Amino acid sequence: MASLDSRGLPLSTSSDLAVERYRTGVDLLLSAWPGAAEALDEATTADPEFGLAHAARARLHAIRSEPAEARARIAAASEAVAHNGSARERSHVEVLSLAIHGQPARALDRALAHLDDWPRDALVLSLPLGAFGLFAFSGMADHDQARVDLCEHHARHYGDDDWWFVTYRGWSHAENGALEHGRALAQRGFELRRENANAAPALSHALHEAGAGEEAERLIKGWLPTYDRSGPLHGHIAWHAALVALDRGDTGRALALYGEHVQPSVSKGMPINIVSDATSFLWHLQAYGHEVPAGLWQAAAAYAAPAFPKAGIAFADAHVAILEASAGDRAAVGRRVAALAALAFAEADYAGCVHRLRPVAREVVRIGGSGAQREMVEEMLLLALMRSGEAAEAHALLDRRLHRRPSLRDTRWLSQLAA
């Protein structure tokens, strides 16, 4: 077996088993599919000096919010490639090491430079992409466009048949407003590899943005049973379906999906997904005029507290602030940047909420995440405007939303505003 990865790049190992397990492990990692850890561990067992296998395992630890394990693995990778690694492998490990050691700006710069030399290094290309990637969490206002530009710059190196690249290219276009093109690409990525948990939400996001919520719900209903509950995006994909059910008024179905797949006590996802999904669902449930069942706010806040004990990640801070405010924890909420607006809304001080959110509403994109995840903040401002008597401004905000993406949710807000 030639020592090449899945995209034809040389690997510094003479072990056929290590190569095969590495290829499998990286593909499982890039598809957010169970089994990646086991495959990569088998690769390093077959060749303990195989640096890139250690690096991929470090990346998986980082995704799972296991920083100590990630640092230990990337240290092993760095040592291995220093003694037995190509220039590409040393650069690959350096990029991952910067990201793992909390230097995202340097990691982004090095990743972009690395990709100019080795554009088919998919694991490095994955770092700037996605809702929680280096672009999204850079603080850039135009990170949606930056992802599209990066994908288009390297598209000729991947073509139309690389399931991973086509999926992320489609998601990037859909997030940036090119819904028809993005949806078509995401659909192709999904068809190329259905055992790809990044394709299902990519297509669901595109459908959501196009106002095709019921189609997204059918997609998820048919696909989710094929994805093991241990998969890191299982709960997040169910969250999409729960919001669609809530939109069409099926509160029982929405709560059942939340209880079975999304709430912190059952989800096996990444902490940032668990916190943001729980917050978004419970907030929308309440905003739509339904009572949140006793204990759900408090349970979500109890999970979030040790997962994000201090402020630092703006996307997480915004969601944790809403959880803490809604759970009535005034002491905790003061630690978060978004605390005062969230607390004002939770305490029905809608004018105060407007006062705090209005100046920053157009900058919310800077916190990262996807459009579907960020819209809760915009909707908080919309509801606060309605309830504080600022009808003209509420109409203007709603008109902008409807122009951008008509949906059942916007129709709901329109009927509330008319009332």
Protein backbone atom coordinates (compact mmCIF):
# COMPACT_ATOMS: atom_id res chain seq x y z
CA MET A 1 0.00 0.00 0.00
CA ALA A 2 1.36 3.42 -0.92
CA SER A 3 1.87 5.67 2.10
CA LEU A 4 -0.64 8.30 0.99
CA ASP A 5 -3.61 9.81 2.75
CA SER A 6 -7.14 9.83 1.31
CA ARG A 7 -6.34 12.85 -0.86
CA GLY A 8 -2.99 11.67 -2.19
CA LEU A 9 -0.59 13.39 0.20
CA PRO A 10 2.49 11.38 1.34
CA LEU A 11 2.64 10.01 4.87
CA SER A 12 5.80 9.31 6.83
CA THR A 13 5.10 5.76 7.92
CA SER A 14 6.01 2.38 6.48
CA SER A 15 3.13 0.59 8.21
CA ASP A 16 0.30 -0.35 5.84
CA LEU A 17 -2.01 -0.83 8.82
CA ALA A 18 -1.17 2.63 10.18
CA VAL A 19 -1.94 4.20 6.78
CA GLU A 20 -5.26 2.37 6.44
CA ARG A 21 -6.36 3.22 9.98
CA TYR A 22 -5.26 6.85 9.57
CA ARG A 23 -7.23 7.24 6.35
CA THR A 24 -10.31 5.77 8.00
CA GLY A 25 -9.88 7.81 11.17
CA VAL A 26 -9.51 11.14 9.38
CA ASP A 27 -12.52 10.47 7.18
CA LEU A 28 -14.57 9.59 10.28
CA LEU A 29 -13.29 12.74 12.01
CA LEU A 30 -14.19 14.93 9.01
CA SER A 31 -17.65 13.36 8.85
CA ALA A 32 -18.24 13.64 12.64
CA TRP A 33 -18.93 9.90 12.64
CA PRO A 34 -18.33 7.51 15.54
CA GLY A 35 -15.20 5.39 15.41
CA ALA A 36 -12.60 8.05 14.64
CA ALA A 37 -10.85 7.76 18.01
CA GLU A 38 -10.54 4.00 17.78
CA ALA A 39 -9.20 4.09 14.23
CA LEU A 40 -6.60 6.75 15.04
CA ASP A 41 -5.52 4.92 18.19
CA GLU A 42 -5.00 1.79 16.07
CA ALA A 43 -2.87 3.86 13.68
CA THR A 44 -0.57 5.07 16.45
CA THR A 45 -0.38 1.57 17.94
CA ALA A 46 0.71 0.21 14.55
CA ASP A 47 3.35 2.97 14.29
CA PRO A 48 3.99 4.94 17.50
CA GLU A 49 6.22 7.36 15.52
CA PHE A 50 3.47 8.28 13.04
CA GLY A 51 3.16 11.98 13.81
CA LEU A 52 0.08 12.84 11.76
CA ALA A 53 -1.96 10.11 13.45
CA HIS A 54 -1.11 11.64 16.83
CA ALA A 55 -2.01 15.08 15.44
CA ALA A 56 -5.42 13.93 14.18
CA ARG A 57 -6.11 12.33 17.55
CA ALA A 58 -5.16 15.63 19.20
CA ARG A 59 -7.62 17.44 16.95
CA LEU A 60 -10.36 15.03 17.97
CA HIS A 61 -9.61 15.64 21.65
CA ALA A 62 -9.83 19.40 21.02
CA ILE A 63 -13.20 19.03 19.28
CA ARG A 64 -14.43 17.08 22.30
CA SER A 65 -13.25 19.83 24.68
CA GLU A 66 -10.52 17.64 26.23
CA PRO A 67 -7.67 20.19 26.34
CA ALA A 68 -5.17 18.26 28.47
CA GLU A 69 -5.41 15.18 26.26
CA ALA A 70 -5.20 17.33 23.13
CA ARG A 71 -2.01 19.03 24.34
CA ALA A 72 -0.40 15.71 25.22
CA ARG A 73 -1.18 14.23 21.81
CA ILE A 74 -0.02 17.26 19.85
CA ALA A 75 3.24 17.20 21.83
CA ALA A 76 3.73 13.57 20.75
CA ALA A 77 2.98 14.59 17.18
CA SER A 78 5.48 17.44 17.28
CA GLU A 79 8.22 15.16 18.59
CA ALA A 80 7.47 12.51 15.99
CA VAL A 81 7.51 14.82 12.95
CA ALA A 82 10.66 16.53 14.17
CA HIS A 83 12.48 13.20 13.81
CA ASN A 84 10.51 11.59 11.00
CA GLY A 85 8.32 14.01 9.10
CA SER A 86 8.21 15.91 5.84
CA ALA A 87 7.99 19.70 5.57
CA ARG A 88 4.24 19.33 4.97
CA GLU A 89 3.77 17.17 8.05
CA ARG A 90 5.78 19.53 10.26
CA SER A 91 3.72 22.49 9.04
CA HIS A 92 0.48 20.50 9.51
CA VAL A 93 1.36 19.73 13.13
CA GLU A 94 2.43 23.33 13.78
CA VAL A 95 -0.96 24.66 12.62
CA LEU A 96 -2.86 22.20 14.81
CA SER A 97 -0.57 22.93 17.75
CA LEU A 98 -1.23 26.67 17.54
CA ALA A 99 -4.99 26.06 17.51
CA ILE A 100 -4.83 23.59 20.40
CA HIS A 101 -2.68 25.91 22.50
CA GLY A 102 -5.15 28.78 22.23
CA GLN A 103 -3.47 30.90 19.56
CA PRO A 104 -6.28 31.14 16.99
CA ALA A 105 -5.03 34.21 15.12
CA ARG A 106 -1.59 32.67 14.51
CA ALA A 107 -3.21 29.32 13.70
CA LEU A 108 -5.39 30.98 11.05
CA ASP A 109 -2.44 32.79 9.47
CA ARG A 110 -0.36 29.61 9.40
CA ALA A 111 -3.26 27.53 8.09
CA LEU A 112 -3.83 29.87 5.15
CA ALA A 113 -0.12 29.88 4.31
CA HIS A 114 0.05 26.09 4.64
CA LEU A 115 -2.88 25.65 2.27
CA ASP A 116 -1.19 27.75 -0.40
CA ASP A 117 1.50 25.05 -0.50
CA TRP A 118 -0.65 21.99 0.25
CA PRO A 119 -4.27 22.83 -0.65
CA ARG A 120 -5.43 19.20 -0.43
CA ASP A 121 -4.54 18.95 3.26
CA ALA A 122 -8.19 18.65 4.26
CA LEU A 123 -7.68 18.47 8.02
CA VAL A 124 -5.90 21.84 7.96
CA LEU A 125 -8.50 23.28 5.57
CA SER A 126 -11.23 22.20 8.00
CA LEU A 127 -9.85 24.50 10.71
CA PRO A 128 -10.93 27.87 9.22
CA LEU A 129 -14.30 26.49 8.02
CA GLY A 130 -17.51 25.67 9.87
CA ALA A 131 -19.68 27.44 12.41
CA PHE A 132 -17.03 27.17 15.14
CA GLY A 133 -13.94 27.42 12.92
CA LEU A 134 -11.05 29.87 13.00
CA PHE A 135 -12.83 32.31 10.70
CA ALA A 136 -16.10 32.18 12.66
CA PHE A 137 -14.39 32.81 15.99
CA SER A 138 -11.96 35.41 14.64
CA GLY A 139 -14.24 38.34 15.45
CA MET A 140 -14.49 39.17 11.73
CA ALA A 141 -17.76 40.69 10.56
CA ASP A 142 -17.31 39.11 7.12
CA HIS A 143 -16.38 35.57 8.12
CA ASP A 144 -19.20 34.16 6.00
CA GLN A 145 -17.61 35.69 2.90
CA ALA A 146 -14.13 34.64 4.02
CA ARG A 147 -15.17 30.97 4.10
CA VAL A 148 -16.65 31.20 0.61
CA ASP A 149 -13.51 32.89 -0.70
CA LEU A 150 -11.29 30.21 0.80
CA CYS A 151 -13.39 27.38 -0.63
CA GLU A 152 -13.49 28.94 -4.09
CA HIS A 153 -9.75 29.63 -4.02
CA HIS A 154 -9.06 25.91 -3.54
CA ALA A 155 -12.05 24.38 -5.34
CA ARG A 156 -10.00 23.37 -8.38
CA HIS A 157 -7.91 21.09 -6.18
CA TYR A 158 -10.96 19.13 -4.99
CA GLY A 159 -13.43 19.06 -7.86
CA ASP A 160 -17.04 17.95 -7.53
CA ASP A 161 -16.51 14.49 -6.07
CA ASP A 162 -14.79 15.08 -2.74
CA TRP A 163 -17.66 14.52 -0.30
CA TRP A 164 -16.08 16.54 2.50
CA PHE A 165 -15.11 19.58 0.45
CA VAL A 166 -18.39 19.75 -1.48
CA THR A 167 -20.31 19.65 1.80
CA TYR A 168 -18.40 22.53 3.36
CA ARG A 169 -18.39 24.54 0.15
CA GLY A 170 -22.17 24.23 0.04
CA TRP A 171 -22.64 25.16 3.69
CA SER A 172 -20.38 28.19 3.25
CA HIS A 173 -22.34 29.47 0.26
CA ALA A 174 -25.68 28.94 2.00
CA GLU A 175 -24.53 30.79 5.11
CA ASN A 176 -23.34 33.64 2.89
CA GLY A 177 -26.75 34.03 1.27
CA ALA A 178 -26.34 32.03 -1.96
CA LEU A 179 -29.09 29.64 -0.91
CA GLU A 180 -29.84 27.86 -4.18
CA HIS A 181 -26.18 27.24 -5.01
CA GLY A 182 -25.34 26.28 -1.44
CA ARG A 183 -28.27 23.92 -1.17
CA ALA A 184 -27.33 22.16 -4.42
CA LEU A 185 -23.75 21.65 -3.26
CA ALA A 186 -24.82 20.47 0.21
CA GLN A 187 -27.24 18.04 -1.41
CA ARG A 188 -24.43 16.64 -3.56
CA GLY A 189 -22.18 16.25 -0.52
CA PHE A 190 -24.95 14.41 1.28
CA GLU A 191 -25.48 12.07 -1.67
CA LEU A 192 -21.76 11.37 -2.07
CA ARG A 193 -21.49 10.17 1.54
CA ARG A 194 -24.63 9.76 3.56
CA GLU A 195 -22.63 8.58 6.57
CA ASN A 196 -21.53 12.16 7.04
CA ALA A 197 -22.96 14.05 9.99
CA ASN A 198 -21.68 17.35 8.62
CA ALA A 199 -23.70 16.95 5.41
CA ALA A 200 -27.04 16.47 7.17
CA PRO A 201 -26.85 19.76 9.14
CA ALA A 202 -25.29 21.56 6.14
CA LEU A 203 -28.33 20.65 4.07
CA SER A 204 -30.66 21.35 6.99
CA HIS A 205 -29.10 24.81 7.41
CA ALA A 206 -29.59 25.53 3.71
CA LEU A 207 -33.22 24.40 3.87
CA HIS A 208 -33.77 26.44 7.05
CA GLU A 209 -32.38 29.59 5.45
CA ALA A 210 -34.57 29.00 2.37
CA GLY A 211 -37.69 28.72 4.54
CA ALA A 212 -38.12 25.00 3.76
CA GLY A 213 -38.38 23.87 7.36
CA GLU A 214 -40.75 20.97 6.81
CA GLU A 215 -38.44 19.56 4.14
CA ALA A 216 -35.56 19.81 6.60
CA GLU A 217 -37.66 17.99 9.21
CA ARG A 218 -38.40 15.13 6.79
CA LEU A 219 -34.72 14.88 5.93
CA ILE A 220 -33.72 14.63 9.57
CA LYS A 221 -36.52 12.24 10.48
CA GLY A 222 -35.39 9.79 7.80
CA TRP A 223 -31.66 10.16 8.40
CA LEU A 224 -31.17 10.61 12.17
CA PRO A 225 -31.92 6.96 13.08
CA THR A 226 -28.89 5.94 10.96
CA TYR A 227 -26.60 8.09 13.11
CA ASP A 228 -25.56 6.57 16.42
CA ARG A 229 -26.49 8.58 19.51
CA SER A 230 -22.79 8.75 20.40
CA GLY A 231 -22.15 10.85 17.29
CA PRO A 232 -21.06 14.38 18.24
CA LEU A 233 -23.73 16.09 16.11
CA HIS A 234 -26.66 13.82 16.94
CA GLY A 235 -28.26 16.27 19.37
CA HIS A 236 -27.55 19.29 17.18
CA ILE A 237 -29.25 17.74 14.17
CA ALA A 238 -32.26 16.85 16.32
CA TRP A 239 -32.30 20.50 17.47
CA HIS A 240 -33.00 21.56 13.89
CA ALA A 241 -36.01 19.24 13.78
CA ALA A 242 -37.22 20.43 17.19
CA LEU A 243 -37.22 24.07 16.06
CA VAL A 244 -39.14 23.19 12.90
CA ALA A 245 -41.75 21.33 14.95
CA LEU A 246 -42.00 24.34 17.24
CA ASP A 247 -42.41 26.66 14.24
CA ARG A 248 -45.40 24.73 12.94
CA GLY A 249 -47.05 24.64 16.34
CA ASP A 250 -46.37 21.01 17.33
CA THR A 251 -45.07 21.78 20.81
CA GLY A 252 -45.45 18.18 21.96
CA ARG A 253 -43.23 16.90 19.16
CA ALA A 254 -40.70 19.68 19.79
CA LEU A 255 -40.47 18.91 23.51
CA ALA A 256 -40.21 15.18 22.80
CA LEU A 257 -37.25 15.78 20.46
CA TYR A 258 -35.61 18.03 23.03
CA GLY A 259 -36.09 15.53 25.83
CA GLU A 260 -34.91 12.54 23.84
CA HIS A 261 -31.97 14.01 21.92
CA VAL A 262 -31.05 17.62 22.76
CA GLN A 263 -31.09 18.35 26.49
CA PRO A 264 -27.71 18.19 28.27
CA SER A 265 -28.49 15.03 30.22
CA VAL A 266 -28.86 12.96 27.04
CA SER A 267 -26.77 14.64 24.34
CA LYS A 268 -23.25 13.32 23.65
CA GLY A 269 -22.29 16.37 21.60
CA MET A 270 -19.64 19.00 22.03
CA PRO A 271 -20.30 21.26 25.03
CA ILE A 272 -20.63 24.37 22.86
CA ASN A 273 -23.34 22.66 20.80
CA ILE A 274 -25.14 21.29 23.84
CA VAL A 275 -25.26 24.71 25.52
CA SER A 276 -26.24 26.68 22.42
CA ASP A 277 -28.86 24.16 21.28
CA ALA A 278 -30.50 23.92 24.72
CA THR A 279 -30.51 27.71 25.12
CA SER A 280 -31.94 28.34 21.67
CA PHE A 281 -34.70 25.75 22.02
CA LEU A 282 -35.84 26.83 25.47
CA TRP A 283 -35.71 30.51 24.56
CA HIS A 284 -37.83 29.98 21.44
CA LEU A 285 -40.29 27.81 23.36
CA GLN A 286 -40.81 30.64 25.83
CA ALA A 287 -40.79 33.37 23.16
CA TYR A 288 -43.57 31.59 21.31
CA GLY A 289 -45.74 31.91 24.40
CA HIS A 290 -45.32 28.41 25.86
CA GLU A 291 -44.35 27.59 29.41
CA VAL A 292 -40.94 26.02 29.77
CA PRO A 293 -41.37 22.84 31.85
CA ALA A 294 -40.10 23.15 35.41
CA GLY A 295 -36.39 22.58 35.86
CA LEU A 296 -35.29 22.73 32.20
CA TRP A 297 -33.70 26.17 32.40
CA GLN A 298 -31.95 25.25 35.64
CA ALA A 299 -30.69 21.91 34.27
CA ALA A 300 -29.22 23.55 31.19
CA ALA A 301 -27.60 26.30 33.27
CA ALA A 302 -26.14 23.68 35.65
CA TYR A 303 -24.53 21.93 32.71
CA ALA A 304 -23.18 25.17 31.24
CA ALA A 305 -21.55 26.45 34.44
CA PRO A 306 -18.66 23.93 34.57
CA ALA A 307 -18.46 23.64 30.79
CA PHE A 308 -17.84 27.41 30.42
CA PRO A 309 -16.83 28.57 33.91
CA LYS A 310 -15.56 31.96 32.79
CA ALA A 311 -16.12 34.37 29.93
CA GLY A 312 -13.90 34.13 26.88
CA ILE A 313 -15.71 32.65 23.88
CA ALA A 314 -18.23 35.27 22.75
CA PHE A 315 -20.60 32.74 21.17
CA ALA A 316 -20.69 30.63 24.33
CA ASP A 317 -20.90 33.70 26.58
CA ALA A 318 -24.04 34.94 24.82
CA HIS A 319 -25.81 31.62 25.27
CA VAL A 320 -24.66 31.02 28.85
CA ALA A 321 -25.80 34.53 29.78
CA ILE A 322 -29.29 33.78 28.49
CA LEU A 323 -29.35 30.49 30.40
CA GLU A 324 -28.23 32.08 33.65
CA ALA A 325 -30.66 34.97 33.30
CA SER A 326 -33.58 32.71 32.45
CA ALA A 327 -32.73 30.41 35.36
CA GLY A 328 -32.81 33.43 37.68
CA ASP A 329 -29.11 33.36 38.62
CA ARG A 330 -28.43 37.10 38.93
CA ALA A 331 -25.02 36.57 40.54
CA ALA A 332 -23.75 34.36 37.74
CA VAL A 333 -25.12 36.40 34.88
CA GLY A 334 -22.97 39.40 35.78
CA ARG A 335 -19.85 37.59 34.57
CA ARG A 336 -20.94 37.51 30.92
CA VAL A 337 -20.59 40.19 28.27
CA ALA A 338 -24.18 39.63 27.07
CA ALA A 339 -25.52 39.47 30.61
CA LEU A 340 -27.31 42.79 30.98
CA ALA A 341 -29.43 42.49 27.85
CA ALA A 342 -30.31 38.87 28.63
CA LEU A 343 -31.17 39.71 32.22
CA ALA A 344 -33.31 42.68 31.17
CA PHE A 345 -35.27 40.48 28.75
CA ALA A 346 -35.72 37.70 31.30
CA GLU A 347 -37.04 40.20 33.83
CA ALA A 348 -39.42 41.77 31.25
CA ASP A 349 -37.44 45.03 31.17
CA TYR A 350 -37.90 45.23 27.41
CA ALA A 351 -36.89 48.87 27.08
CA GLY A 352 -33.67 48.07 28.93
CA CYS A 353 -33.05 45.11 26.66
CA VAL A 354 -33.53 47.30 23.57
CA HIS A 355 -31.21 49.93 25.02
CA ARG A 356 -28.43 47.36 25.40
CA LEU A 357 -28.96 45.29 22.27
CA ARG A 358 -29.75 48.00 19.71
CA PRO A 359 -26.18 49.38 19.44
CA VAL A 360 -24.63 45.95 18.88
CA ALA A 361 -27.36 44.15 16.91
CA ARG A 362 -25.61 44.50 13.56
CA GLU A 363 -22.36 43.21 15.06
CA VAL A 364 -23.76 39.92 16.40
CA VAL A 365 -22.29 38.10 13.39
CA ARG A 366 -18.87 38.61 15.02
CA ILE A 367 -19.59 36.06 17.74
CA GLY A 368 -19.47 33.21 15.19
CA GLY A 369 -21.71 30.20 14.91
CA SER A 370 -24.22 29.77 12.10
CA GLY A 371 -26.98 32.12 11.05
CA ALA A 372 -29.55 29.73 12.51
CA GLN A 373 -27.73 29.80 15.86
CA ARG A 374 -27.27 33.57 15.98
CA GLU A 375 -30.82 34.53 15.03
CA MET A 376 -31.97 34.09 18.63
CA VAL A 377 -30.19 37.34 19.55
CA GLU A 378 -31.85 39.23 16.69
CA GLU A 379 -35.22 37.77 17.68
CA MET A 380 -34.67 38.85 21.27
CA LEU A 381 -34.26 42.41 20.04
CA LEU A 382 -37.33 42.05 17.80
CA LEU A 383 -39.52 40.86 20.66
CA ALA A 384 -38.13 43.50 23.01
CA LEU A 385 -38.96 46.21 20.44
CA MET A 386 -42.50 44.85 20.10
CA ARG A 387 -43.09 44.64 23.83
CA SER A 388 -41.61 48.06 24.60
CA GLY A 389 -43.87 49.78 22.07
CA GLU A 390 -41.21 50.44 19.41
CA ALA A 391 -43.48 49.24 16.61
CA ALA A 392 -41.88 51.19 13.76
CA GLU A 393 -38.40 49.89 14.51
CA ALA A 394 -39.75 46.36 15.00
CA HIS A 395 -41.42 46.54 11.59
CA ALA A 396 -38.17 47.73 10.00
CA LEU A 397 -36.18 44.88 11.57
CA LEU A 398 -38.80 42.34 10.55
CA ASP A 399 -38.84 43.69 6.98
CA ARG A 400 -35.08 43.14 6.79
CA ARG A 401 -35.50 39.57 8.02
CA LEU A 402 -38.30 38.79 5.60
CA HIS A 403 -36.28 40.17 2.73
CA ARG A 404 -33.36 37.99 3.74
CA ARG A 405 -35.30 34.79 4.43
CA PRO A 406 -39.05 34.29 4.60
CA SER A 407 -39.96 31.56 7.08
CA LEU A 408 -42.65 30.31 9.39
CA ARG A 409 -40.87 31.92 12.30
CA ASP A 410 -40.97 35.36 10.68
CA THR A 411 -44.66 34.89 9.88
CA ARG A 412 -45.17 34.18 13.58
CA TRP A 413 -43.39 37.40 14.55
CA LEU A 414 -45.42 39.32 11.96
CA SER A 415 -48.69 38.09 13.47
CA GLN A 416 -47.48 39.03 16.95
CA LEU A 417 -46.55 42.49 15.76
CA ALA A 418 -49.92 42.95 14.07
CA ALA A 419 -51.63 42.01 17.31
